[in-house]
C-alpha cells in the first residue's frame, strides 16, 4: 500500500507528507509524556503534603514509591523520543541533500532516458 500510495502522489510528496506526520506524532507523544510526568510529580507532591498534614492517619502508600517505576519508564520513553527526533533531523538533512535525485524517482522512463548521456559524447568514444 505504501508503494502504491507513493506512486499515486509522487515520491517526494509522499516522503514529505510522511515526515510531516511522523514529526507531528513525535511532538504529540513528547507532549503527552511530559504532561504525564508533571501530573505524577504533582500528585506525589500533594500526597507528601497530605501525609505531613495528617501524619499517621494518612495510610496510603507514598505516591512517590507507588509511581516511581512508571515515572522512570516515562523518563526513559521521553529520552527515546528525543533520540528518535534527533535521528529524524539526520533523515531530514539527507532528504534535503538528495532532493534532486529523489525527485527523479517521479520521472517517467522517457524523462529518465533523456538524462542519460549518449554513448558518442564520452571522451573514450572520441579517442
PDB file of N, CA and C in Angstrom:
ATOM      1  N   UNK A   1       0.829  -1.194   0.000  1.00  0.00           N
ATOM      2  CA  UNK A   1       0.000   0.000   0.000  1.00  0.00           C
ATOM      3  C   UNK A   1       0.872   1.256   0.000  1.00  0.00           C
ATOM      4  N   UNK A   2       1.992   1.267   0.722  1.00  0.00           N
ATOM      5  CA  UNK A   2       2.876   2.425   0.777  1.00  0.00           C
ATOM      6  C   UNK A   2       3.459   2.764  -0.574  1.00  0.00           C
ATOM      7  N   UNK A   3       3.878   1.736  -1.347  1.00  0.00           N
ATOM      8  CA  UNK A   3       4.467   1.972  -2.665  1.00  0.00           C
ATOM      9  C   UNK A   3       3.406   2.492  -3.614  1.00  0.00           C
ATOM     10  N   UNK A   4       2.215   1.897  -3.576  1.00  0.00           N
ATOM     11  CA  UNK A   4       1.128   2.364  -4.438  1.00  0.00           C
ATOM     12  C   UNK A   4       0.744   3.799  -4.089  1.00  0.00           C
ATOM     13  N   UNK A   5       0.707   4.085  -2.798  1.00  0.00           N
ATOM     14  CA  UNK A   5       0.383   5.438  -2.341  1.00  0.00           C
ATOM     15  C   UNK A   5       1.432   6.421  -2.806  1.00  0.00           C
ATOM     16  N   UNK A   6       2.698   6.050  -2.696  1.00  0.00           N
ATOM     17  CA  UNK A   6       3.794   6.924  -3.122  1.00  0.00           C
ATOM     18  C   UNK A   6       3.732   7.152  -4.624  1.00  0.00           C
ATOM     19  N   UNK A   7       3.433   6.111  -5.378  1.00  0.00           N
ATOM     20  CA  UNK A   7       3.360   6.249  -6.825  1.00  0.00           C
ATOM     21  C   UNK A   7       2.195   7.152  -7.232  1.00  0.00           C
ATOM     22  N   UNK A   8       1.102   7.078  -6.507  1.00  0.00           N
ATOM     23  CA  UNK A   8      -0.075   7.873  -6.846  1.00  0.00           C
ATOM     24  C   UNK A   8       0.154   9.368  -6.644  1.00  0.00           C
ATOM     25  N   UNK A   9       0.853   9.750  -5.583  1.00  0.00           N
ATOM     26  CA  UNK A   9       1.033  11.181  -5.292  1.00  0.00           C
ATOM     27  C   UNK A   9       2.420  11.693  -5.645  1.00  0.00           C
ATOM     28  N   UNK A  10       3.333  10.814  -5.927  1.00  0.00           N
ATOM     29  CA  UNK A  10       4.700  11.226  -6.217  1.00  0.00           C
ATOM     30  C   UNK A  10       5.578  10.938  -5.016  1.00  0.00           C
ATOM     31  N   UNK A  11       6.776  10.486  -5.299  1.00  0.00           N
ATOM     32  CA  UNK A  11       7.687  10.056  -4.232  1.00  0.00           C
ATOM     33  C   UNK A  11       8.040  11.188  -3.270  1.00  0.00           C
ATOM     34  N   UNK A  12       8.411  12.342  -3.809  1.00  0.00           N
ATOM     35  CA  UNK A  12       8.819  13.457  -2.955  1.00  0.00           C
ATOM     36  C   UNK A  12       7.653  13.915  -2.087  1.00  0.00           C
ATOM     37  N   UNK A  13       6.489  14.031  -2.691  1.00  0.00           N
ATOM     38  CA  UNK A  13       5.307  14.448  -1.932  1.00  0.00           C
ATOM     39  C   UNK A  13       4.986  13.443  -0.842  1.00  0.00           C
ATOM     40  N   UNK A  14       5.051  12.178  -1.186  1.00  0.00           N
ATOM     41  CA  UNK A  14       4.760  11.117  -0.218  1.00  0.00           C
ATOM     42  C   UNK A  14       5.748  11.161   0.950  1.00  0.00           C
ATOM     43  N   UNK A  15       7.044  11.272   0.635  1.00  0.00           N
ATOM     44  CA  UNK A  15       8.060  11.341   1.696  1.00  0.00           C
ATOM     45  C   UNK A  15       7.852  12.567   2.575  1.00  0.00           C
ATOM     46  N   UNK A  16       7.551  13.691   1.966  1.00  0.00           N
ATOM     47  CA  UNK A  16       7.324  14.925   2.722  1.00  0.00           C
ATOM     48  C   UNK A  16       6.123  14.782   3.644  1.00  0.00           C
ATOM     49  N   UNK A  17       5.043  14.210   3.124  1.00  0.00           N
ATOM     50  CA  UNK A  17       3.851  14.013   3.945  1.00  0.00           C
ATOM     51  C   UNK A  17       4.131  13.080   5.114  1.00  0.00           C
ATOM     52  N   UNK A  18       4.855  12.010   4.865  1.00  0.00           N
ATOM     53  CA  UNK A  18       5.169  11.039   5.927  1.00  0.00           C
ATOM     54  C   UNK A  18       6.071  11.658   6.986  1.00  0.00           C
ATOM     55  N   UNK A  19       7.068  12.428   6.563  1.00  0.00           N
ATOM     56  CA  UNK A  19       7.967  13.085   7.527  1.00  0.00           C
ATOM     57  C   UNK A  19       7.190  14.086   8.374  1.00  0.00           C
ATOM     58  N   UNK A  20       6.271  14.812   7.757  1.00  0.00           N
ATOM     59  CA  UNK A  20       5.451  15.770   8.493  1.00  0.00           C
ATOM     60  C   UNK A  20       4.589  15.036   9.520  1.00  0.00           C
ATOM     61  N   UNK A  21       3.981  13.935   9.106  1.00  0.00           N
ATOM     62  CA  UNK A  21       3.152  13.142  10.015  1.00  0.00           C
ATOM     63  C   UNK A  21       3.987  12.591  11.171  1.00  0.00           C
ATOM     64  N   UNK A  22       5.139  12.018  10.869  1.00  0.00           N
ATOM     65  CA  UNK A  22       5.987  11.460  11.923  1.00  0.00           C
ATOM     66  C   UNK A  22       6.466  12.528  12.895  1.00  0.00           C
ATOM     67  N   UNK A  23       6.809  13.684  12.381  1.00  0.00           N
ATOM     68  CA  UNK A  23       7.242  14.782  13.237  1.00  0.00           C
ATOM     69  C   UNK A  23       6.111  15.220  14.160  1.00  0.00           C
ATOM     70  N   UNK A  24       4.920  15.328  13.611  1.00  0.00           N
ATOM     71  CA  UNK A  24       3.756  15.721  14.401  1.00  0.00           C
ATOM     72  C   UNK A  24       3.462  14.684  15.491  1.00  0.00           C
ATOM     73  N   UNK A  25       3.535  13.415  15.138  1.00  0.00           N
ATOM     74  CA  UNK A  25       3.282  12.355  16.121  1.00  0.00           C
ATOM     75  C   UNK A  25       4.348  12.351  17.215  1.00  0.00           C
ATOM     76  N   UNK A  26       5.598  12.550  16.832  1.00  0.00           N
ATOM     77  CA  UNK A  26       6.674  12.587  17.830  1.00  0.00           C
ATOM     78  C   UNK A  26       6.465  13.746  18.801  1.00  0.00           C
ATOM     79  N   UNK A  27       6.076  14.905  18.275  1.00  0.00           N
ATOM     80  CA  UNK A  27       5.804  16.060  19.132  1.00  0.00           C
ATOM     81  C   UNK A  27       4.638  15.775  20.077  1.00  0.00           C
ATOM     82  N   UNK A  28       3.602  15.136  19.557  1.00  0.00           N
ATOM     83  CA  UNK A  28       2.430  14.813  20.371  1.00  0.00           C
ATOM     84  C   UNK A  28       2.782  13.826  21.477  1.00  0.00           C
ATOM     85  N   UNK A  29       3.564  12.806  21.147  1.00  0.00           N
ATOM     86  CA  UNK A  29       3.982  11.811  22.144  1.00  0.00           C
ATOM     87  C   UNK A  29       4.832  12.475  23.222  1.00  0.00           C
ATOM     88  N   UNK A  30       5.773  13.328  22.799  1.00  0.00           N
ATOM     89  CA  UNK A  30       6.644  14.011  23.764  1.00  0.00           C
ATOM     90  C   UNK A  30       5.815  14.904  24.689  1.00  0.00           C
ATOM     91  N   UNK A  31       4.849  15.616  24.130  1.00  0.00           N
ATOM     92  CA  UNK A  31       3.997  16.495  24.938  1.00  0.00           C
ATOM     93  C   UNK A  31       3.152  15.698  25.928  1.00  0.00           C
ATOM     94  N   UNK A  32       2.568  14.606  25.461  1.00  0.00           N
ATOM     95  CA  UNK A  32       1.756  13.755  26.337  1.00  0.00           C
ATOM     96  C   UNK A  32       2.611  13.167  27.458  1.00  0.00           C
ATOM     97  N   UNK A  33       3.798  12.732  27.094  1.00  0.00           N
ATOM     98  CA  UNK A  33       4.710  12.165  28.086  1.00  0.00           C
ATOM     99  C   UNK A  33       5.073  13.210  29.143  1.00  0.00           C
ATOM    100  N   UNK A  34       5.398  14.415  28.725  1.00  0.00           N
ATOM    101  CA  UNK A  34       5.732  15.484  29.670  1.00  0.00           C
ATOM    102  C   UNK A  34       4.542  15.788  30.580  1.00  0.00           C
ATOM    103  N   UNK A  35       3.347  15.807  30.020  1.00  0.00           N
ATOM    104  CA  UNK A  35       2.136  16.059  30.809  1.00  0.00           C
ATOM    105  C   UNK A  35       1.961  14.977  31.868  1.00  0.00           C
ATOM    106  N   UNK A  36       2.145  13.722  31.474  1.00  0.00           N
ATOM    107  CA  UNK A  36       2.014  12.612  32.432  1.00  0.00           C
ATOM    108  C   UNK A  36       3.052  12.713  33.545  1.00  0.00           C
ATOM    109  N   UNK A  37       4.277  13.065  33.197  1.00  0.00           N
ATOM    110  CA  UNK A  37       5.314  13.212  34.213  1.00  0.00           C
ATOM    111  C   UNK A  37       4.960  14.332  35.192  1.00  0.00           C
ATOM    112  N   UNK A  38       4.492  15.458  34.653  1.00  0.00           N
ATOM    113  CA  UNK A  38       4.113  16.578  35.537  1.00  0.00           C
ATOM    114  C   UNK A  38       2.956  16.185  36.455  1.00  0.00           C
ATOM    115  N   UNK A  39       1.978  15.446  35.935  1.00  0.00           N
ATOM    116  CA  UNK A  39       0.846  15.010  36.755  1.00  0.00           C
ATOM    117  C   UNK A  39       1.302  14.081  37.878  1.00  0.00           C
ATOM    118  N   UNK A  40       2.174  13.149  37.547  1.00  0.00           N
ATOM    119  CA  UNK A  40       2.673  12.232  38.574  1.00  0.00           C
ATOM    120  C   UNK A  40       3.493  12.975  39.626  1.00  0.00           C
ATOM    121  N   UNK A  41       4.313  13.911  39.197  1.00  0.00           N
ATOM    122  CA  UNK A  41       5.111  14.683  40.152  1.00  0.00           C
ATOM    123  C   UNK A  41       4.217  15.568  41.020  1.00  0.00           C
ATOM    124  N   UNK A  42       3.187  16.138  40.424  1.00  0.00           N
ATOM    125  CA  UNK A  42       2.236  16.968  41.181  1.00  0.00           C
ATOM    126  C   UNK A  42       1.474  16.115  42.195  1.00  0.00           C
ATOM    127  N   UNK A  43       1.072  14.939  41.764  1.00  0.00           N
ATOM    128  CA  UNK A  43       0.344  14.037  42.654  1.00  0.00           C
ATOM    129  C   UNK A  43       1.238  13.613  43.818  1.00  0.00           C
ATOM    130  N   UNK A  44       2.498  13.348  43.542  1.00  0.00           N
ATOM    131  CA  UNK A  44       3.438  12.955  44.605  1.00  0.00           C
ATOM    132  C   UNK A  44       3.632  14.093  45.593  1.00  0.00           C
ATOM    133  N   UNK A  45       3.706  15.306  45.086  1.00  0.00           N
ATOM    134  CA  UNK A  45       3.867  16.475  45.963  1.00  0.00           C
ATOM    135  C   UNK A  45       2.631  16.642  46.850  1.00  0.00           C
ATOM    136  N   UNK A  46       1.449  16.506  46.244  1.00  0.00           N
ATOM    137  CA  UNK A  46       0.209  16.636  47.013  1.00  0.00           C
ATOM    138  C   UNK A  46       0.116  15.539  48.071  1.00  0.00           C
ATOM    139  N   UNK A  47       0.507  14.326  47.689  1.00  0.00           N
ATOM    140  CA  UNK A  47       0.490  13.207  48.626  1.00  0.00           C
ATOM    141  C   UNK A  47       1.418  13.492  49.802  1.00  0.00           C
ATOM    142  N   UNK A  48       2.583  14.031  49.512  1.00  0.00           N
ATOM    143  CA  UNK A  48       3.545  14.350  50.566  1.00  0.00           C
ATOM    144  C   UNK A  48       2.999  15.423  51.507  1.00  0.00           C
ATOM    145  N   UNK A  49       2.353  16.428  50.932  1.00  0.00           N
ATOM    146  CA  UNK A  49       1.763  17.489  51.758  1.00  0.00           C
ATOM    147  C   UNK A  49       0.659  16.943  52.659  1.00  0.00           C
ATOM    148  N   UNK A  50      -0.184  16.076  52.101  1.00  0.00           N
ATOM    149  CA  UNK A  50      -1.264  15.485  52.895  1.00  0.00           C
ATOM    150  C   UNK A  50      -0.703  14.552  53.970  1.00  0.00           C
ATOM    151  N   UNK A  51       0.350  13.848  53.632  1.00  0.00           N
ATOM    152  CA  UNK A  51       0.992  12.961  54.609  1.00  0.00           C
ATOM    153  C   UNK A  51       1.523  13.776  55.779  1.00  0.00           C
ATOM    154  N   UNK A  52       2.131  14.939  55.465  1.00  0.00           N
ATOM    155  CA  UNK A  52       2.633  15.826  56.529  1.00  0.00           C
ATOM    156  C   UNK A  52       1.489  16.370  57.375  1.00  0.00           C
ATOM    157  N   UNK A  53       0.400  16.711  56.715  1.00  0.00           N
ATOM    158  CA  UNK A  53      -0.736  17.309  57.416  1.00  0.00           C
ATOM    159  C   UNK A  53      -1.442  16.283  58.313  1.00  0.00           C
ATOM    160  N   UNK A  54      -1.670  15.072  57.804  1.00  0.00           N
ATOM    161  CA  UNK A  54      -2.462  14.090  58.544  1.00  0.00           C
ATOM    162  C   UNK A  54      -1.626  13.071  59.323  1.00  0.00           C
ATOM    163  N   UNK A  55      -0.324  13.065  59.077  1.00  0.00           N
ATOM    164  CA  UNK A  55       0.550  12.168  59.835  1.00  0.00           C
ATOM    165  C   UNK A  55       0.168  10.709  59.690  1.00  0.00           C
ATOM    166  N   UNK A  56       0.106   9.981  60.810  1.00  0.00           N
ATOM    167  CA  UNK A  56      -0.147   8.538  60.750  1.00  0.00           C
ATOM    168  C   UNK A  56      -1.555   8.194  60.254  1.00  0.00           C
ATOM    169  N   UNK A  57      -2.457   9.172  60.242  1.00  0.00           N
ATOM    170  CA  UNK A  57      -3.808   8.887  59.736  1.00  0.00           C
ATOM    171  C   UNK A  57      -3.801   8.740  58.204  1.00  0.00           C
ATOM    172  N   UNK A  58      -2.758   9.262  57.565  1.00  0.00           N
ATOM    173  CA  UNK A  58      -2.637   9.144  56.102  1.00  0.00           C
ATOM    174  C   UNK A  58      -1.943   7.814  55.819  1.00  0.00           C
ATOM    175  N   UNK A  59      -2.766   6.778  55.521  1.00  0.00           N
ATOM    176  CA  UNK A  59      -2.255   5.406  55.458  1.00  0.00           C
ATOM    177  C   UNK A  59      -1.911   4.921  54.047  1.00  0.00           C
ATOM    178  N   UNK A  60      -2.132   5.755  53.095  1.00  0.00           N
ATOM    179  CA  UNK A  60      -1.796   5.358  51.721  1.00  0.00           C
ATOM    180  C   UNK A  60      -0.299   5.107  51.580  1.00  0.00           C
ATOM    181  N   UNK A  61       0.015   4.226  50.662  1.00  0.00           N
ATOM    182  CA  UNK A  61       1.420   4.029  50.280  1.00  0.00           C
ATOM    183  C   UNK A  61       1.903   5.346  49.663  1.00  0.00           C
ATOM    184  N   UNK A  62       3.091   5.791  49.976  1.00  0.00           N
ATOM    185  CA  UNK A  62       3.578   7.054  49.405  1.00  0.00           C
ATOM    186  C   UNK A  62       3.546   7.032  47.873  1.00  0.00           C
ATOM    187  N   UNK A  63       2.985   8.077  47.313  1.00  0.00           N
ATOM    188  CA  UNK A  63       2.818   8.171  45.866  1.00  0.00           C
ATOM    189  C   UNK A  63       4.148   8.046  45.135  1.00  0.00           C
ATOM    190  N   UNK A  64       5.183   8.679  45.664  1.00  0.00           N
ATOM    191  CA  UNK A  64       6.493   8.606  45.035  1.00  0.00           C
ATOM    192  C   UNK A  64       6.988   7.186  44.898  1.00  0.00           C
ATOM    193  N   UNK A  65       6.655   6.363  45.858  1.00  0.00           N
ATOM    194  CA  UNK A  65       7.066   4.957  45.832  1.00  0.00           C
ATOM    195  C   UNK A  65       6.195   4.159  44.859  1.00  0.00           C
ATOM    196  N   UNK A  66       4.895   4.427  44.870  1.00  0.00           N
ATOM    197  CA  UNK A  66       3.962   3.692  44.013  1.00  0.00           C
ATOM    198  C   UNK A  66       4.228   3.985  42.531  1.00  0.00           C
ATOM    199  N   UNK A  67       4.479   5.253  42.224  1.00  0.00           N
ATOM    200  CA  UNK A  67       4.614   5.667  40.830  1.00  0.00           C
ATOM    201  C   UNK A  67       6.062   5.758  40.353  1.00  0.00           C
ATOM    202  N   UNK A  68       6.996   5.387  41.190  1.00  0.00           N
ATOM    203  CA  UNK A  68       8.406   5.539  40.831  1.00  0.00           C
ATOM    204  C   UNK A  68       8.762   4.789  39.545  1.00  0.00           C
ATOM    205  N   UNK A  69       8.326   3.535  39.447  1.00  0.00           N
ATOM    206  CA  UNK A  69       8.652   2.742  38.259  1.00  0.00           C
ATOM    207  C   UNK A  69       8.020   3.352  37.010  1.00  0.00           C
ATOM    208  N   UNK A  70       6.777   3.797  37.126  1.00  0.00           N
ATOM    209  CA  UNK A  70       6.099   4.414  35.989  1.00  0.00           C
ATOM    210  C   UNK A  70       6.806   5.697  35.571  1.00  0.00           C
ATOM    211  N   UNK A  71       7.181   6.502  36.525  1.00  0.00           N
ATOM    212  CA  UNK A  71       7.882   7.750  36.234  1.00  0.00           C
ATOM    213  C   UNK A  71       9.230   7.467  35.573  1.00  0.00           C
ATOM    214  N   UNK A  72       9.926   6.449  36.038  1.00  0.00           N
ATOM    215  CA  UNK A  72      11.200   6.054  35.430  1.00  0.00           C
ATOM    216  C   UNK A  72      10.996   5.626  33.977  1.00  0.00           C
ATOM    217  N   UNK A  73       9.951   4.854  33.724  1.00  0.00           N
ATOM    218  CA  UNK A  73       9.660   4.399  32.358  1.00  0.00           C
ATOM    219  C   UNK A  73       9.280   5.576  31.461  1.00  0.00           C
ATOM    220  N   UNK A  74       8.513   6.519  31.995  1.00  0.00           N
ATOM    221  CA  UNK A  74       8.142   7.694  31.214  1.00  0.00           C
ATOM    222  C   UNK A  74       9.372   8.524  30.852  1.00  0.00           C
ATOM    223  N   UNK A  75      10.286   8.673  31.790  1.00  0.00           N
ATOM    224  CA  UNK A  75      11.512   9.432  31.518  1.00  0.00           C
ATOM    225  C   UNK A  75      12.368   8.714  30.474  1.00  0.00           C
ATOM    226  N   UNK A  76      12.430   7.386  30.562  1.00  0.00           N
ATOM    227  CA  UNK A  76      13.172   6.612  29.575  1.00  0.00           C
ATOM    228  C   UNK A  76      12.519   6.752  28.195  1.00  0.00           C
ATOM    229  N   UNK A  77      11.213   6.675  28.158  1.00  0.00           N
ATOM    230  CA  UNK A  77      10.479   6.824  26.901  1.00  0.00           C
ATOM    231  C   UNK A  77      10.697   8.220  26.322  1.00  0.00           C
ATOM    232  N   UNK A  78      10.696   9.217  27.191  1.00  0.00           N
ATOM    233  CA  UNK A  78      10.932  10.587  26.759  1.00  0.00           C
ATOM    234  C   UNK A  78      12.323  10.701  26.124  1.00  0.00           C
ATOM    235  N   UNK A  79      13.308  10.076  26.744  1.00  0.00           N
ATOM    236  CA  UNK A  79      14.664  10.072  26.193  1.00  0.00           C
ATOM    237  C   UNK A  79      14.682   9.417  24.806  1.00  0.00           C
ATOM    238  N   UNK A  80      13.973   8.310  24.660  1.00  0.00           N
ATOM    239  CA  UNK A  80      13.935   7.604  23.374  1.00  0.00           C
ATOM    240  C   UNK A  80      13.251   8.440  22.302  1.00  0.00           C
ATOM    241  N   UNK A  81      12.197   9.142  22.663  1.00  0.00           N
ATOM    242  CA  UNK A  81      11.512  10.008  21.697  1.00  0.00           C
ATOM    243  C   UNK A  81      12.448  11.132  21.256  1.00  0.00           C
ATOM    244  N   UNK A  82      13.175  11.717  22.197  1.00  0.00           N
ATOM    245  CA  UNK A  82      14.109  12.789  21.837  1.00  0.00           C
ATOM    246  C   UNK A  82      15.240  12.255  20.946  1.00  0.00           C
ATOM    247  N   UNK A  83      15.723  11.061  21.222  1.00  0.00           N
ATOM    248  CA  UNK A  83      16.746  10.452  20.375  1.00  0.00           C
ATOM    249  C   UNK A  83      16.194  10.203  18.969  1.00  0.00           C
ATOM    250  N   UNK A  84      14.964   9.727  18.894  1.00  0.00           N
ATOM    251  CA  UNK A  84      14.333   9.488  17.590  1.00  0.00           C
ATOM    252  C   UNK A  84      14.186  10.803  16.821  1.00  0.00           C
ATOM    253  N   UNK A  85      13.827  11.858  17.528  1.00  0.00           N
ATOM    254  CA  UNK A  85      13.684  13.158  16.868  1.00  0.00           C
ATOM    255  C   UNK A  85      15.036  13.651  16.360  1.00  0.00           C
ATOM    256  N   UNK A  86      16.103  13.375  17.092  1.00  0.00           N
ATOM    257  CA  UNK A  86      17.444  13.749  16.608  1.00  0.00           C
ATOM    258  C   UNK A  86      17.786  12.949  15.350  1.00  0.00           C
ATOM    259  N   UNK A  87      17.415  11.676  15.344  1.00  0.00           N
ATOM    260  CA  UNK A  87      17.613  10.843  14.151  1.00  0.00           C
ATOM    261  C   UNK A  87      16.806  11.365  12.975  1.00  0.00           C
ATOM    262  N   UNK A  88      15.608  11.844  13.263  1.00  0.00           N
ATOM    263  CA  UNK A  88      14.761  12.412  12.211  1.00  0.00           C
ATOM    264  C   UNK A  88      15.415  13.637  11.569  1.00  0.00           C
ATOM    265  N   UNK A  89      16.139  14.407  12.357  1.00  0.00           N
ATOM    266  CA  UNK A  89      16.836  15.570  11.802  1.00  0.00           C
ATOM    267  C   UNK A  89      17.903  15.136  10.800  1.00  0.00           C
ATOM    268  N   UNK A  90      18.555  14.020  11.080  1.00  0.00           N
ATOM    269  CA  UNK A  90      19.548  13.487  10.150  1.00  0.00           C
ATOM    270  C   UNK A  90      18.865  13.048   8.857  1.00  0.00           C
ATOM    271  N   UNK A  91      17.743  12.358   9.008  1.00  0.00           N
ATOM    272  CA  UNK A  91      16.989  11.919   7.829  1.00  0.00           C
ATOM    273  C   UNK A  91      16.531  13.127   7.022  1.00  0.00           C
ATOM    274  N   UNK A  92      16.008  14.146   7.701  1.00  0.00           N
ATOM    275  CA  UNK A  92      15.566  15.353   7.005  1.00  0.00           C
ATOM    276  C   UNK A  92      16.716  15.984   6.229  1.00  0.00           C
ATOM    277  N   UNK A  93      17.890  16.008   6.819  1.00  0.00           N
ATOM    278  CA  UNK A  93      19.064  16.574   6.160  1.00  0.00           C
ATOM    279  C   UNK A  93      19.422  15.752   4.920  1.00  0.00           C
ATOM    280  N   UNK A  94      19.386  14.433   5.046  1.00  0.00           N
ATOM    281  CA  UNK A  94      19.706  13.557   3.906  1.00  0.00           C
ATOM    282  C   UNK A  94      18.672  13.724   2.791  1.00  0.00           C
ATOM    283  N   UNK A  95      17.400  13.842   3.164  1.00  0.00           N
ATOM    284  CA  UNK A  95      16.364  14.058   2.158  1.00  0.00           C
ATOM    285  C   UNK A  95      16.584  15.378   1.426  1.00  0.00           C
ATOM    286  N   UNK A  96      16.929  16.408   2.180  1.00  0.00           N
ATOM    287  CA  UNK A  96      17.171  17.716   1.572  1.00  0.00           C
ATOM    288  C   UNK A  96      18.380  17.665   0.646  1.00  0.00           C
ATOM    289  N   UNK A  97      19.465  17.024   1.117  1.00  0.00           N
ATOM    290  CA  UNK A  97      20.684  16.931   0.319  1.00  0.00           C
ATOM    291  C   UNK A  97      20.474  16.139  -0.971  1.00  0.00           C
ATOM    292  N   UNK A  98      19.560  15.181  -0.936  1.00  0.00           N
ATOM    293  CA  UNK A  98      19.340  14.302  -2.090  1.00  0.00           C
ATOM    294  C   UNK A  98      18.016  14.552  -2.801  1.00  0.00           C
ATOM    295  N   UNK A  99      17.438  15.718  -2.557  1.00  0.00           N
ATOM    296  CA  UNK A  99      16.118  16.034  -3.094  1.00  0.00           C
ATOM    297  C   UNK A  99      16.061  15.846  -4.615  1.00  0.00           C
ATOM    298  N   UNK A 100      17.056  16.370  -5.339  1.00  0.00           N
ATOM    299  CA  UNK A 100      17.030  16.280  -6.799  1.00  0.00           C
ATOM    300  C   UNK A 100      17.029  14.836  -7.279  1.00  0.00           C
ATOM    301  N   UNK A 101      17.841  13.997  -6.638  1.00  0.00           N
ATOM    302  CA  UNK A 101      17.884  12.585  -7.040  1.00  0.00           C
ATOM    303  C   UNK A 101      16.598  11.862  -6.670  1.00  0.00           C
ATOM    304  N   UNK A 102      16.047  12.184  -5.515  1.00  0.00           N
ATOM    305  CA  UNK A 102      14.780  11.555  -5.104  1.00  0.00           C
ATOM    306  C   UNK A 102      13.659  11.980  -6.043  1.00  0.00           C
ATOM    307  N   UNK A 103      13.678  13.244  -6.453  1.00  0.00           N
ATOM    308  CA  UNK A 103      12.645  13.747  -7.368  1.00  0.00           C
ATOM    309  C   UNK A 103      12.683  12.995  -8.695  1.00  0.00           C
ATOM    310  N   UNK A 104      13.836  12.489  -9.081  1.00  0.00           N
ATOM    311  CA  UNK A 104      13.943  11.732 -10.331  1.00  0.00           C
ATOM    312  C   UNK A 104      13.118  10.445 -10.284  1.00  0.00           C
ATOM    313  N   UNK A 105      12.850   9.954  -9.076  1.00  0.00           N
ATOM    314  CA  UNK A 105      12.027   8.747  -8.944  1.00  0.00           C
ATOM    315  C   UNK A 105      10.608   8.968  -9.457  1.00  0.00           C
ATOM    316  N   UNK A 106      10.199  10.231  -9.527  1.00  0.00           N
ATOM    317  CA  UNK A 106       8.864  10.559 -10.024  1.00  0.00           C
ATOM    318  C   UNK A 106       8.825  10.736 -11.547  1.00  0.00           C
ATOM    319  N   UNK A 107       9.990  10.717 -12.183  1.00  0.00           N
ATOM    320  CA  UNK A 107      10.057  10.962 -13.621  1.00  0.00           C
ATOM    321  C   UNK A 107       9.620   9.730 -14.406  1.00  0.00           C
ATOM    322  N   UNK A 108       9.146   9.975 -15.610  1.00  0.00           N
ATOM    323  CA  UNK A 108       8.772   8.869 -16.495  1.00  0.00           C
ATOM    324  C   UNK A 108      10.039   8.227 -17.039  1.00  0.00           C
ATOM    325  N   UNK A 109       9.886   7.068 -17.625  1.00  0.00           N
ATOM    326  CA  UNK A 109      11.030   6.381 -18.233  1.00  0.00           C
ATOM    327  C   UNK A 109      11.675   7.206 -19.323  1.00  0.00           C
ATOM    328  N   UNK A 110      10.854   7.855 -20.140  1.00  0.00           N
ATOM    329  CA  UNK A 110      11.397   8.690 -21.215  1.00  0.00           C
ATOM    330  C   UNK A 110      12.188   9.861 -20.653  1.00  0.00           C
ATOM    331  N   UNK A 111      11.680  10.483 -19.600  1.00  0.00           N
ATOM    332  CA  UNK A 111      12.385  11.617 -18.994  1.00  0.00           C
ATOM    333  C   UNK A 111      13.712  11.166 -18.392  1.00  0.00           C
ATOM    334  N   UNK A 112      13.713   9.976 -17.777  1.00  0.00           N
ATOM    335  CA  UNK A 112      14.967   9.443 -17.221  1.00  0.00           C
ATOM    336  C   UNK A 112      15.963   9.113 -18.336  1.00  0.00           C
ATOM    337  N   UNK A 113      15.475   8.523 -19.426  1.00  0.00           N
ATOM    338  CA  UNK A 113      16.356   8.210 -20.557  1.00  0.00           C
ATOM    339  C   UNK A 113      16.977   9.471 -21.134  1.00  0.00           C
ATOM    340  N   UNK A 114      16.231  10.552 -21.127  1.00  0.00           N
ATOM    341  CA  UNK A 114      16.753  11.813 -21.652  1.00  0.00           C
ATOM    342  C   UNK A 114      17.898  12.347 -20.793  1.00  0.00           C
ATOM    343  N   UNK A 115      17.943  11.957 -19.528  1.00  0.00           N
ATOM    344  CA  UNK A 115      19.019  12.389 -18.644  1.00  0.00           C
ATOM    345  C   UNK A 115      20.314  11.605 -18.848  1.00  0.00           C
ATOM    346  N   UNK A 116      20.214  10.436 -19.449  1.00  0.00           N
ATOM    347  CA  UNK A 116      21.392   9.596 -19.644  1.00  0.00           C
ATOM    348  C   UNK A 116      22.282  10.184 -20.733  1.00  0.00           C
ATOM    349  N   UNK A 117      23.596  10.124 -20.518  1.00  0.00           N
ATOM    350  CA  UNK A 117      24.496  10.642 -21.564  1.00  0.00           C
ATOM    351  C   UNK A 117      24.477   9.708 -22.768  1.00  0.00           C
ATOM    352  N   UNK A 118      24.641  10.275 -23.942  1.00  0.00           N
ATOM    353  CA  UNK A 118      24.711   9.432 -25.135  1.00  0.00           C
ATOM    354  C   UNK A 118      26.099   8.827 -25.216  1.00  0.00           C
ATOM    355  N   UNK A 119      26.209   7.668 -25.792  1.00  0.00           N
ATOM    356  CA  UNK A 119      27.482   6.955 -25.857  1.00  0.00           C
ATOM    357  C   UNK A 119      28.522   7.683 -26.680  1.00  0.00           C
ATOM    358  N   UNK A 120      28.109   8.533 -27.617  1.00  0.00           N
ATOM    359  CA  UNK A 120      29.083   9.179 -28.500  1.00  0.00           C
ATOM    360  C   UNK A 120      29.691  10.434 -27.883  1.00  0.00           C
ATOM    361  N   UNK A 121      29.197  10.885 -26.769  1.00  0.00           N
ATOM    362  CA  UNK A 121      29.710  12.113 -26.171  1.00  0.00           C
ATOM    363  C   UNK A 121      30.764  11.864 -25.102  1.00  0.00           C
ATOM    364  N   UNK A 122      31.127  10.611 -24.864  1.00  0.00           N
ATOM    365  CA  UNK A 122      32.125  10.359 -23.828  1.00  0.00           C
ATOM    366  C   UNK A 122      33.530  10.510 -24.401  1.00  0.00           C
ATOM    367  N   UNK A 123      34.483  10.937 -23.595  1.00  0.00           N
ATOM    368  CA  UNK A 123      35.868  11.129 -24.084  1.00  0.00           C
ATOM    369  C   UNK A 123      36.470   9.846 -24.656  1.00  0.00           C
ATOM    370  N   UNK A 124      36.107   8.692 -24.121  1.00  0.00           N
ATOM    371  CA  UNK A 124      36.647   7.425 -24.620  1.00  0.00           C
ATOM    372  C   UNK A 124      36.181   7.148 -26.044  1.00  0.00           C
ATOM    373  N   UNK A 125      34.928   7.513 -26.348  1.00  0.00           N
ATOM    374  CA  UNK A 125      34.386   7.271 -27.688  1.00  0.00           C
ATOM    375  C   UNK A 125      35.043   8.183 -28.727  1.00  0.00           C
ATOM    376  N   UNK A 126      35.479   9.352 -28.331  1.00  0.00           N
ATOM    377  CA  UNK A 126      36.052  10.308 -29.253  1.00  0.00           C
ATOM    378  C   UNK A 126      37.532  10.046 -29.495  1.00  0.00           C
ATOM    379  N   UNK A 127      38.166   9.200 -28.731  1.00  0.00           N
ATOM    380  CA  UNK A 127      39.592   8.915 -28.877  1.00  0.00           C
ATOM    381  C   UNK A 127      39.873   7.929 -29.964  1.00  0.00           C
TER     382      UNK A 127
END
